[in-house]
Amino acid sequence: MIDTQALPVVAADGHRFELLARVPAQPRAQLLWLPALGVAARHYLPLADALAAHGVAVYLHEWRGNGSSSQRPSREQDWGYREILMHDLPASVAAIDGGARLARIIGGHSLGGQLACCFAGLHPGGFQRLWLVASGTPFWRMFPAPRGWALPLIYRFLPWLAQRQGVLHGRRLGFGGTEARGLIGDWAKVGLNNHYAGVGITQDLEAGLRQVQSRATAVVMAQDWLAPPRSMQGLLDKLPQVDARLDVLDAATLGTRADHFAWMKSPEAVAAVLFHSFE
């Protein structure tokens, strides 16, 4: 039997949201899952159900500004990596009651995978595993030509547009949702210089990544131009003390398109790769 939960969470700065959970009767591990940019937590319930069937208790974090979040980005409300890493994620961790007996896993999709790694670096020894799906550094040199050549321009244009409008209206552009300008600014800087940092963050995130000691399972999709294998490998290269495995899944294996998002509705193949790496 799988227990369905919606745990109320309040961050240190007053931000409120719900942590969606799928918890099997006798879990073998607990996973904190971070969504892709602009994607509400509820869209990962099929993945949570697939993993819970394997005995993994799954807790779906909600990005500030999405889904159950009490905030929405605007000219008056802005945030970036600092608020996510220093306020929201610690609050989600505190809301999870898994006990010391369970293996602790953190992972995510796309931006969620990147920030999962950064958060693990801020909390040495806090997680035994990293599960990364369709993720990787956005650094422009990690993307094949000719698309990669256009990325520096995009990484300069989107923060400018967000500053001008007060937010980034990502859905109009086919990229993310309505996003906070600070978040887009922090993300774009990584895309330009391959250095993880954030406005107001005093800790050295890159140094933290180098200190992470765990095992990582990384999955990319064969036709995913938003997260090609080299991008994922670039992220894994920032984790020199992590024992990492990288799998590339094609459409035949997935049973759906091998792109950035299609797997979310048919996540069984991804869940199988993640869980089998745990055994």
C-alpha atoms as a PDB file:
ATOM      1  CA  MET A   1       0.000   0.000   0.000  1.00  0.00           C
ATOM      2  CA  ILE A   2       1.241   3.476  -0.897  1.00  0.00           C
ATOM      3  CA  ASP A   3       0.350   6.438   1.307  1.00  0.00           C
ATOM      4  CA  THR A   4      -0.430   9.710  -0.456  1.00  0.00           C
ATOM      5  CA  GLN A   5       0.508  12.849   1.439  1.00  0.00           C
ATOM      6  CA  ALA A   6       0.607  16.617   0.946  1.00  0.00           C
ATOM      7  CA  LEU A   7       2.852  17.973   3.673  1.00  0.00           C
ATOM      8  CA  PRO A   8       2.582  21.696   4.516  1.00  0.00           C
ATOM      9  CA  VAL A   9       5.977  23.404   4.499  1.00  0.00           C
ATOM     10  CA  VAL A  10       6.949  26.886   5.664  1.00  0.00           C
ATOM     11  CA  ALA A  11      10.396  28.230   4.747  1.00  0.00           C
ATOM     12  CA  ALA A  12      12.408  30.467   7.062  1.00  0.00           C
ATOM     13  CA  ASP A  13      11.330  33.592   5.162  1.00  0.00           C
ATOM     14  CA  GLY A  14       7.622  32.716   5.341  1.00  0.00           C
ATOM     15  CA  HIS A  15       7.255  31.123   1.905  1.00  0.00           C
ATOM     16  CA  ARG A  16       4.621  28.356   2.074  1.00  0.00           C
ATOM     17  CA  PHE A  17       4.145  25.333  -0.161  1.00  0.00           C
ATOM     18  CA  GLU A  18       3.198  21.665  -0.094  1.00  0.00           C
ATOM     19  CA  LEU A  19       5.537  18.716  -0.363  1.00  0.00           C
ATOM     20  CA  LEU A  20       3.760  15.983  -2.321  1.00  0.00           C
ATOM     21  CA  ALA A  21       4.682  12.490  -1.161  1.00  0.00           C
ATOM     22  CA  ARG A  22       4.196   8.879  -2.177  1.00  0.00           C
ATOM     23  CA  VAL A  23       5.284   6.665   0.711  1.00  0.00           C
ATOM     24  CA  PRO A  24       5.193   2.834   0.538  1.00  0.00           C
ATOM     25  CA  ALA A  25       4.347   0.850   3.651  1.00  0.00           C
ATOM     26  CA  GLN A  26       7.949  -0.303   4.150  1.00  0.00           C
ATOM     27  CA  PRO A  27      10.235   2.123   2.293  1.00  0.00           C
ATOM     28  CA  ARG A  28      13.813   1.176   1.528  1.00  0.00           C
ATOM     29  CA  ALA A  29      14.952   4.719   0.782  1.00  0.00           C
ATOM     30  CA  GLN A  30      13.660   8.275   0.626  1.00  0.00           C
ATOM     31  CA  LEU A  31      14.048  10.617  -2.318  1.00  0.00           C
ATOM     32  CA  LEU A  32      13.715  14.395  -2.389  1.00  0.00           C
ATOM     33  CA  TRP A  33      12.931  15.256  -6.017  1.00  0.00           C
ATOM     34  CA  LEU A  34      13.418  18.705  -7.568  1.00  0.00           C
ATOM     35  CA  PRO A  35      11.423  19.626 -10.709  1.00  0.00           C
ATOM     36  CA  ALA A  36      12.575  21.222 -13.928  1.00  0.00           C
ATOM     37  CA  LEU A  37      12.289  24.977 -14.356  1.00  0.00           C
ATOM     38  CA  GLY A  38       8.665  26.070 -14.500  1.00  0.00           C
ATOM     39  CA  VAL A  39       7.233  22.597 -13.815  1.00  0.00           C
ATOM     40  CA  ALA A  40       4.881  22.078 -10.868  1.00  0.00           C
ATOM     41  CA  ALA A  41       5.558  19.169  -8.519  1.00  0.00           C
ATOM     42  CA  ARG A  42       2.306  17.374  -9.376  1.00  0.00           C
ATOM     43  CA  HIS A  43       3.577  16.578 -12.863  1.00  0.00           C
ATOM     44  CA  TYR A  44       6.058  14.121 -11.303  1.00  0.00           C
ATOM     45  CA  LEU A  45       3.399  12.045  -9.544  1.00  0.00           C
ATOM     46  CA  PRO A  46       3.686   9.287 -12.199  1.00  0.00           C
ATOM     47  CA  LEU A  47       7.427   9.070 -11.440  1.00  0.00           C
ATOM     48  CA  ALA A  48       6.728   9.078  -7.711  1.00  0.00           C
ATOM     49  CA  ASP A  49       4.213   6.256  -8.123  1.00  0.00           C
ATOM     50  CA  ALA A  50       6.647   4.214 -10.223  1.00  0.00           C
ATOM     51  CA  LEU A  51       9.430   4.600  -7.674  1.00  0.00           C
ATOM     52  CA  ALA A  52       7.133   3.998  -4.700  1.00  0.00           C
ATOM     53  CA  ALA A  53       6.167   0.684  -6.299  1.00  0.00           C
ATOM     54  CA  HIS A  54       9.866  -0.221  -5.977  1.00  0.00           C
ATOM     55  CA  GLY A  55       9.902   0.752  -2.305  1.00  0.00           C
ATOM     56  CA  VAL A  56      11.220   4.316  -2.547  1.00  0.00           C
ATOM     57  CA  ALA A  57       9.442   7.026  -0.563  1.00  0.00           C
ATOM     58  CA  VAL A  58       9.300  10.024  -2.895  1.00  0.00           C
ATOM     59  CA  TYR A  59       8.875  13.640  -1.810  1.00  0.00           C
ATOM     60  CA  LEU A  60       8.238  16.145  -4.592  1.00  0.00           C
ATOM     61  CA  HIS A  61       9.588  19.606  -3.862  1.00  0.00           C
ATOM     62  CA  GLU A  62       7.625  22.597  -5.169  1.00  0.00           C
ATOM     63  CA  TRP A  63       9.552  25.443  -6.759  1.00  0.00           C
ATOM     64  CA  ARG A  64       8.876  28.887  -5.389  1.00  0.00           C
ATOM     65  CA  GLY A  65       6.415  30.480  -7.796  1.00  0.00           C
ATOM     66  CA  ASN A  66       4.832  27.234  -9.045  1.00  0.00           C
ATOM     67  CA  GLY A  67       1.929  24.997  -8.094  1.00  0.00           C
ATOM     68  CA  SER A  68       1.184  25.140  -4.362  1.00  0.00           C
ATOM     69  CA  SER A  69       3.709  27.923  -3.718  1.00  0.00           C
ATOM     70  CA  SER A  70       2.318  30.945  -1.871  1.00  0.00           C
ATOM     71  CA  GLN A  71       4.393  33.288  -4.027  1.00  0.00           C
ATOM     72  CA  ARG A  72       4.327  34.313  -7.651  1.00  0.00           C
ATOM     73  CA  PRO A  73       7.121  36.241  -9.348  1.00  0.00           C
ATOM     74  CA  SER A  74       6.482  39.899 -10.062  1.00  0.00           C
ATOM     75  CA  ARG A  75       8.275  43.227  -9.982  1.00  0.00           C
ATOM     76  CA  GLU A  76       7.716  43.192  -6.215  1.00  0.00           C
ATOM     77  CA  GLN A  77       8.535  39.505  -5.577  1.00  0.00           C
ATOM     78  CA  ASP A  78      11.861  38.231  -6.835  1.00  0.00           C
ATOM     79  CA  TRP A  79      14.212  35.427  -5.898  1.00  0.00           C
ATOM     80  CA  GLY A  80      17.094  33.336  -7.161  1.00  0.00           C
ATOM     81  CA  TYR A  81      19.270  30.394  -6.204  1.00  0.00           C
ATOM     82  CA  ARG A  82      19.793  31.819  -2.713  1.00  0.00           C
ATOM     83  CA  GLU A  83      16.156  31.525  -1.674  1.00  0.00           C
ATOM     84  CA  ILE A  84      15.866  28.026  -3.113  1.00  0.00           C
ATOM     85  CA  LEU A  85      19.074  26.646  -1.621  1.00  0.00           C
ATOM     86  CA  MET A  86      19.025  28.486   1.714  1.00  0.00           C
ATOM     87  CA  HIS A  87      15.300  28.629   2.535  1.00  0.00           C
ATOM     88  CA  ASP A  88      13.082  26.313   0.521  1.00  0.00           C
ATOM     89  CA  LEU A  89      15.131  23.120   0.279  1.00  0.00           C
ATOM     90  CA  PRO A  90      16.121  23.067   3.974  1.00  0.00           C
ATOM     91  CA  ALA A  91      12.418  23.426   4.810  1.00  0.00           C
ATOM     92  CA  SER A  92      11.538  20.460   2.594  1.00  0.00           C
ATOM     93  CA  VAL A  93      14.257  18.337   4.172  1.00  0.00           C
ATOM     94  CA  ALA A  94      12.988  19.233   7.645  1.00  0.00           C
ATOM     95  CA  ALA A  95       9.457  18.166   6.663  1.00  0.00           C
ATOM     96  CA  ILE A  96      10.548  14.673   5.645  1.00  0.00           C
ATOM     97  CA  ASP A  97      10.336  12.083   8.411  1.00  0.00           C
ATOM     98  CA  GLY A  98      12.345   9.150   7.156  1.00  0.00           C
ATOM     99  CA  GLY A  99      14.544   8.249  10.073  1.00  0.00           C
ATOM    100  CA  ALA A 100      18.239   7.504  10.049  1.00  0.00           C
ATOM    101  CA  ARG A 101      17.626   3.933   8.887  1.00  0.00           C
ATOM    102  CA  LEU A 102      16.652   4.969   5.359  1.00  0.00           C
ATOM    103  CA  ALA A 103      19.122   5.787   2.612  1.00  0.00           C
ATOM    104  CA  ARG A 104      18.711   9.437   1.650  1.00  0.00           C
ATOM    105  CA  ILE A 105      18.636  10.371  -2.017  1.00  0.00           C
ATOM    106  CA  ILE A 106      18.332  13.771  -3.654  1.00  0.00           C
ATOM    107  CA  GLY A 107      17.708  14.218  -7.331  1.00  0.00           C
ATOM    108  CA  GLY A 108      15.931  16.144  -9.976  1.00  0.00           C
ATOM    109  CA  HIS A 109      15.069  16.916 -13.551  1.00  0.00           C
ATOM    110  CA  SER A 110      16.933  19.562 -15.577  1.00  0.00           C
ATOM    111  CA  LEU A 111      17.526  22.591 -13.308  1.00  0.00           C
ATOM    112  CA  GLY A 112      16.340  20.419 -10.440  1.00  0.00           C
ATOM    113  CA  GLY A 113      19.247  18.051 -10.973  1.00  0.00           C
ATOM    114  CA  GLN A 114      21.710  20.917 -10.997  1.00  0.00           C
ATOM    115  CA  LEU A 115      20.417  22.425  -7.760  1.00  0.00           C
ATOM    116  CA  ALA A 116      20.189  18.968  -6.165  1.00  0.00           C
ATOM    117  CA  CYS A 117      23.942  18.684  -6.675  1.00  0.00           C
ATOM    118  CA  CYS A 118      24.538  22.184  -5.299  1.00  0.00           C
ATOM    119  CA  PHE A 119      22.396  21.453  -2.235  1.00  0.00           C
ATOM    120  CA  ALA A 120      24.253  18.197  -1.615  1.00  0.00           C
ATOM    121  CA  GLY A 121      27.475  20.208  -1.731  1.00  0.00           C
ATOM    122  CA  LEU A 122      26.147  22.542   0.959  1.00  0.00           C
ATOM    123  CA  HIS A 123      25.278  19.574   3.193  1.00  0.00           C
ATOM    124  CA  PRO A 124      28.215  17.126   3.180  1.00  0.00           C
ATOM    125  CA  GLY A 125      27.162  13.632   4.126  1.00  0.00           C
ATOM    126  CA  GLY A 126      23.481  14.525   3.913  1.00  0.00           C
ATOM    127  CA  PHE A 127      22.693  12.274   0.949  1.00  0.00           C
ATOM    128  CA  GLN A 128      24.016   8.871  -0.022  1.00  0.00           C
ATOM    129  CA  ARG A 129      22.819   9.020  -3.646  1.00  0.00           C
ATOM    130  CA  LEU A 130      22.217  11.501  -6.451  1.00  0.00           C
ATOM    131  CA  TRP A 131      19.590  10.723  -9.091  1.00  0.00           C
ATOM    132  CA  LEU A 132      19.778  13.050 -12.092  1.00  0.00           C
ATOM    133  CA  VAL A 133      17.425  12.905 -15.075  1.00  0.00           C
ATOM    134  CA  ALA A 134      17.639  14.994 -18.273  1.00  0.00           C
ATOM    135  CA  SER A 135      19.949  17.399 -16.505  1.00  0.00           C
ATOM    136  CA  GLY A 136      23.413  18.873 -16.891  1.00  0.00           C
ATOM    137  CA  THR A 137      25.306  22.118 -16.799  1.00  0.00           C
ATOM    138  CA  PRO A 138      23.824  24.775 -19.118  1.00  0.00           C
ATOM    139  CA  PHE A 139      27.347  25.917 -20.087  1.00  0.00           C
ATOM    140  CA  TRP A 140      27.180  26.773 -23.760  1.00  0.00           C
ATOM    141  CA  ARG A 141      30.363  24.922 -24.708  1.00  0.00           C
ATOM    142  CA  MET A 142      28.734  21.629 -23.661  1.00  0.00           C
ATOM    143  CA  PHE A 143      26.175  21.853 -26.465  1.00  0.00           C
ATOM    144  CA  PRO A 144      26.854  20.768 -30.044  1.00  0.00           C
ATOM    145  CA  ALA A 145      27.150  23.278 -32.866  1.00  0.00           C
ATOM    146  CA  PRO A 146      25.424  25.154 -34.292  1.00  0.00           C
ATOM    147  CA  ARG A 147      22.899  25.404 -31.417  1.00  0.00           C
ATOM    148  CA  GLY A 148      25.620  25.878 -28.842  1.00  0.00           C
ATOM    149  CA  TRP A 149      26.931  28.939 -30.640  1.00  0.00           C
ATOM    150  CA  ALA A 150      23.617  30.742 -30.104  1.00  0.00           C
ATOM    151  CA  LEU A 151      23.437  30.095 -26.373  1.00  0.00           C
ATOM    152  CA  PRO A 152      25.664  32.998 -25.185  1.00  0.00           C
ATOM    153  CA  LEU A 153      23.301  35.417 -26.907  1.00  0.00           C
ATOM    154  CA  ILE A 154      20.294  33.716 -25.292  1.00  0.00           C
ATOM    155  CA  TYR A 155      21.970  33.789 -21.865  1.00  0.00           C
ATOM    156  CA  ARG A 156      22.377  37.537 -22.186  1.00  0.00           C
ATOM    157  CA  PHE A 157      18.998  38.272 -23.753  1.00  0.00           C
ATOM    158  CA  LEU A 158      16.740  36.397 -21.304  1.00  0.00           C
ATOM    159  CA  PRO A 159      18.017  38.158 -18.126  1.00  0.00           C
ATOM    160  CA  TRP A 160      17.737  41.508 -19.915  1.00  0.00           C
ATOM    161  CA  LEU A 161      14.165  40.699 -20.941  1.00  0.00           C
ATOM    162  CA  ALA A 162      13.271  39.543 -17.426  1.00  0.00           C
ATOM    163  CA  GLN A 163      14.660  42.742 -15.923  1.00  0.00           C
ATOM    164  CA  ARG A 164      12.751  44.852 -18.419  1.00  0.00           C
ATOM    165  CA  GLN A 165       9.436  43.035 -17.853  1.00  0.00           C
ATOM    166  CA  GLY A 166       9.868  42.356 -14.125  1.00  0.00           C
ATOM    167  CA  VAL A 167       9.574  38.601 -14.773  1.00  0.00           C
ATOM    168  CA  LEU A 168      10.360  36.233 -17.626  1.00  0.00           C
ATOM    169  CA  HIS A 169       7.180  35.183 -19.403  1.00  0.00           C
ATOM    170  CA  GLY A 170       8.693  31.852 -20.307  1.00  0.00           C
ATOM    171  CA  ARG A 171       5.582  30.159 -21.643  1.00  0.00           C
ATOM    172  CA  ARG A 172       5.377  32.727 -24.418  1.00  0.00           C
ATOM    173  CA  LEU A 173       8.933  31.794 -25.374  1.00  0.00           C
ATOM    174  CA  GLY A 174       8.525  28.038 -24.948  1.00  0.00           C
ATOM    175  CA  PHE A 175      10.961  27.984 -22.040  1.00  0.00           C
ATOM    176  CA  GLY A 176       9.901  27.492 -18.422  1.00  0.00           C
ATOM    177  CA  GLY A 177       6.921  29.252 -16.882  1.00  0.00           C
ATOM    178  CA  THR A 178       6.590  32.734 -15.453  1.00  0.00           C
ATOM    179  CA  GLU A 179      10.019  32.984 -13.847  1.00  0.00           C
ATOM    180  CA  ALA A 180      11.613  35.335 -11.330  1.00  0.00           C
ATOM    181  CA  ARG A 181      14.211  37.584 -12.898  1.00  0.00           C
ATOM    182  CA  GLY A 182      16.755  36.739 -10.189  1.00  0.00           C
ATOM    183  CA  LEU A 183      16.413  33.041 -10.906  1.00  0.00           C
ATOM    184  CA  ILE A 184      16.923  33.587 -14.631  1.00  0.00           C
ATOM    185  CA  GLY A 185      19.933  35.777 -13.925  1.00  0.00           C
ATOM    186  CA  ASP A 186      21.622  33.153 -11.736  1.00  0.00           C
ATOM    187  CA  TRP A 187      20.898  30.397 -14.258  1.00  0.00           C
ATOM    188  CA  ALA A 188      22.176  32.398 -17.223  1.00  0.00           C
ATOM    189  CA  LYS A 189      25.485  33.174 -15.513  1.00  0.00           C
ATOM    190  CA  VAL A 190      26.169  29.453 -15.178  1.00  0.00           C
ATOM    191  CA  GLY A 191      25.372  29.081 -18.855  1.00  0.00           C
ATOM    192  CA  LEU A 192      27.990  31.690 -19.694  1.00  0.00           C
ATOM    193  CA  ASN A 193      30.817  30.728 -17.348  1.00  0.00           C
ATOM    194  CA  ASN A 194      30.074  27.195 -16.044  1.00  0.00           C
ATOM    195  CA  HIS A 195      30.446  28.430 -12.459  1.00  0.00           C
ATOM    196  CA  TYR A 196      27.659  27.733  -9.963  1.00  0.00           C
ATOM    197  CA  ALA A 197      26.928  30.721  -7.756  1.00  0.00           C
ATOM    198  CA  GLY A 198      23.997  32.965  -6.908  1.00  0.00           C
ATOM    199  CA  VAL A 199      23.354  36.541  -5.881  1.00  0.00           C
ATOM    200  CA  GLY A 200      23.611  36.752  -2.091  1.00  0.00           C
ATOM    201  CA  ILE A 201      25.167  33.298  -1.658  1.00  0.00           C
ATOM    202  CA  THR A 202      28.416  33.586   0.299  1.00  0.00           C
ATOM    203  CA  GLN A 203      29.274  29.892   0.202  1.00  0.00           C
ATOM    204  CA  ASP A 204      31.451  28.584  -2.615  1.00  0.00           C
ATOM    205  CA  LEU A 205      29.070  26.262  -4.462  1.00  0.00           C
ATOM    206  CA  GLU A 206      31.796  24.959  -6.763  1.00  0.00           C
ATOM    207  CA  ALA A 207      33.962  23.971  -3.794  1.00  0.00           C
ATOM    208  CA  GLY A 208      30.957  22.237  -2.263  1.00  0.00           C
ATOM    209  CA  LEU A 209      30.395  20.217  -5.432  1.00  0.00           C
ATOM    210  CA  ARG A 210      33.996  19.004  -5.295  1.00  0.00           C
ATOM    211  CA  GLN A 211      33.433  17.726  -1.753  1.00  0.00           C
ATOM    212  CA  VAL A 212      30.308  15.653  -2.427  1.00  0.00           C
ATOM    213  CA  GLN A 213      30.921  11.982  -1.679  1.00  0.00           C
ATOM    214  CA  SER A 214      28.149   9.700  -2.871  1.00  0.00           C
ATOM    215  CA  ARG A 215      27.021   7.647  -5.856  1.00  0.00           C
ATOM    216  CA  ALA A 216      25.203   9.187  -8.798  1.00  0.00           C
ATOM    217  CA  THR A 217      22.900   7.711 -11.406  1.00  0.00           C
ATOM    218  CA  ALA A 218      22.444  10.022 -14.373  1.00  0.00           C
ATOM    219  CA  VAL A 219      19.918   9.464 -17.159  1.00  0.00           C
ATOM    220  CA  VAL A 220      19.677  11.437 -20.398  1.00  0.00           C
ATOM    221  CA  MET A 221      17.377  11.016 -23.367  1.00  0.00           C
ATOM    222  CA  ALA A 222      18.824  10.258 -26.778  1.00  0.00           C
ATOM    223  CA  GLN A 223      17.062  13.128 -28.614  1.00  0.00           C
ATOM    224  CA  ASP A 224      17.077  15.708 -25.823  1.00  0.00           C
ATOM    225  CA  TRP A 225      18.718  18.858 -27.181  1.00  0.00           C
ATOM    226  CA  LEU A 226      18.113  20.689 -23.874  1.00  0.00           C
ATOM    227  CA  ALA A 227      20.273  18.212 -21.929  1.00  0.00           C
ATOM    228  CA  PRO A 228      22.654  16.318 -24.221  1.00  0.00           C
ATOM    229  CA  PRO A 229      25.028  13.707 -22.757  1.00  0.00           C
ATOM    230  CA  ARG A 230      27.992  16.104 -22.783  1.00  0.00           C
ATOM    231  CA  SER A 231      26.031  18.588 -20.672  1.00  0.00           C
ATOM    232  CA  MET A 232      25.298  15.898 -18.092  1.00  0.00           C
ATOM    233  CA  GLN A 233      28.899  14.744 -18.154  1.00  0.00           C
ATOM    234  CA  GLY A 234      29.975  18.336 -17.568  1.00  0.00           C
ATOM    235  CA  LEU A 235      27.876  18.401 -14.409  1.00  0.00           C
ATOM    236  CA  LEU A 236      29.247  15.056 -13.246  1.00  0.00           C
ATOM    237  CA  ASP A 237      32.788  16.323 -13.833  1.00  0.00           C
ATOM    238  CA  LYS A 238      32.161  18.878 -11.089  1.00  0.00           C
ATOM    239  CA  LEU A 239      31.700  15.958  -8.671  1.00  0.00           C
ATOM    240  CA  PRO A 240      35.150  14.294  -8.698  1.00  0.00           C
ATOM    241  CA  GLN A 241      34.501  12.246  -5.543  1.00  0.00           C
ATOM    242  CA  VAL A 242      31.199  10.848  -6.795  1.00  0.00           C
ATOM    243  CA  ASP A 243      31.000   7.390  -8.344  1.00  0.00           C
ATOM    244  CA  ALA A 244      28.783   8.148 -11.334  1.00  0.00           C
ATOM    245  CA  ARG A 245      26.962   6.090 -13.939  1.00  0.00           C
ATOM    246  CA  LEU A 246      25.501   7.698 -17.075  1.00  0.00           C
ATOM    247  CA  ASP A 247      22.737   6.023 -19.114  1.00  0.00           C
ATOM    248  CA  VAL A 248      21.352   7.249 -22.445  1.00  0.00           C
ATOM    249  CA  LEU A 249      17.807   6.033 -23.084  1.00  0.00           C
ATOM    250  CA  ASP A 250      16.290   5.882 -26.559  1.00  0.00           C
ATOM    251  CA  ALA A 251      12.642   6.006 -27.627  1.00  0.00           C
ATOM    252  CA  ALA A 252      12.360   2.224 -27.849  1.00  0.00           C
ATOM    253  CA  THR A 253      13.487   1.836 -24.254  1.00  0.00           C
ATOM    254  CA  LEU A 254      11.302   4.668 -22.982  1.00  0.00           C
ATOM    255  CA  GLY A 255       8.218   3.709 -24.954  1.00  0.00           C
ATOM    256  CA  THR A 256       7.785   7.373 -25.876  1.00  0.00           C
ATOM    257  CA  ARG A 257       9.764  10.214 -27.420  1.00  0.00           C
ATOM    258  CA  ALA A 258      13.311  10.465 -26.082  1.00  0.00           C
ATOM    259  CA  ASP A 259      13.111  14.205 -25.408  1.00  0.00           C
ATOM    260  CA  HIS A 260      13.260  16.464 -22.363  1.00  0.00           C
ATOM    261  CA  PHE A 261       9.684  16.029 -21.132  1.00  0.00           C
ATOM    262  CA  ALA A 262       7.837  13.097 -22.748  1.00  0.00           C
ATOM    263  CA  TRP A 263       9.278  10.550 -20.284  1.00  0.00           C
ATOM    264  CA  MET A 264       7.425  12.255 -17.399  1.00  0.00           C
ATOM    265  CA  LYS A 265       4.092  10.709 -18.472  1.00  0.00           C
ATOM    266  CA  SER A 266       5.653   7.276 -19.039  1.00  0.00           C
ATOM    267  CA  PRO A 267       8.423   7.160 -16.425  1.00  0.00           C
ATOM    268  CA  GLU A 268       8.660   3.406 -15.858  1.00  0.00           C
ATOM    269  CA  ALA A 269      11.921   2.952 -17.781  1.00  0.00           C
ATOM    270  CA  VAL A 270      13.544   5.887 -16.003  1.00  0.00           C
ATOM    271  CA  ALA A 271      12.322   4.637 -12.620  1.00  0.00           C
ATOM    272  CA  ALA A 272      13.724   1.185 -13.360  1.00  0.00           C
ATOM    273  CA  VAL A 273      17.186   2.549 -14.172  1.00  0.00           C
ATOM    274  CA  LEU A 274      17.197   4.686 -11.028  1.00  0.00           C
ATOM    275  CA  PHE A 275      15.997   1.926  -8.726  1.00  0.00           C
ATOM    276  CA  HIS A 276      18.231  -0.809 -10.145  1.00  0.00           C
ATOM    277  CA  SER A 277      21.252   1.394  -9.550  1.00  0.00           C
ATOM    278  CA  PHE A 278      20.221   1.450  -5.884  1.00  0.00           C
ATOM    279  CA  GLU A 279      20.168  -2.313  -5.491  1.00  0.00           C
END
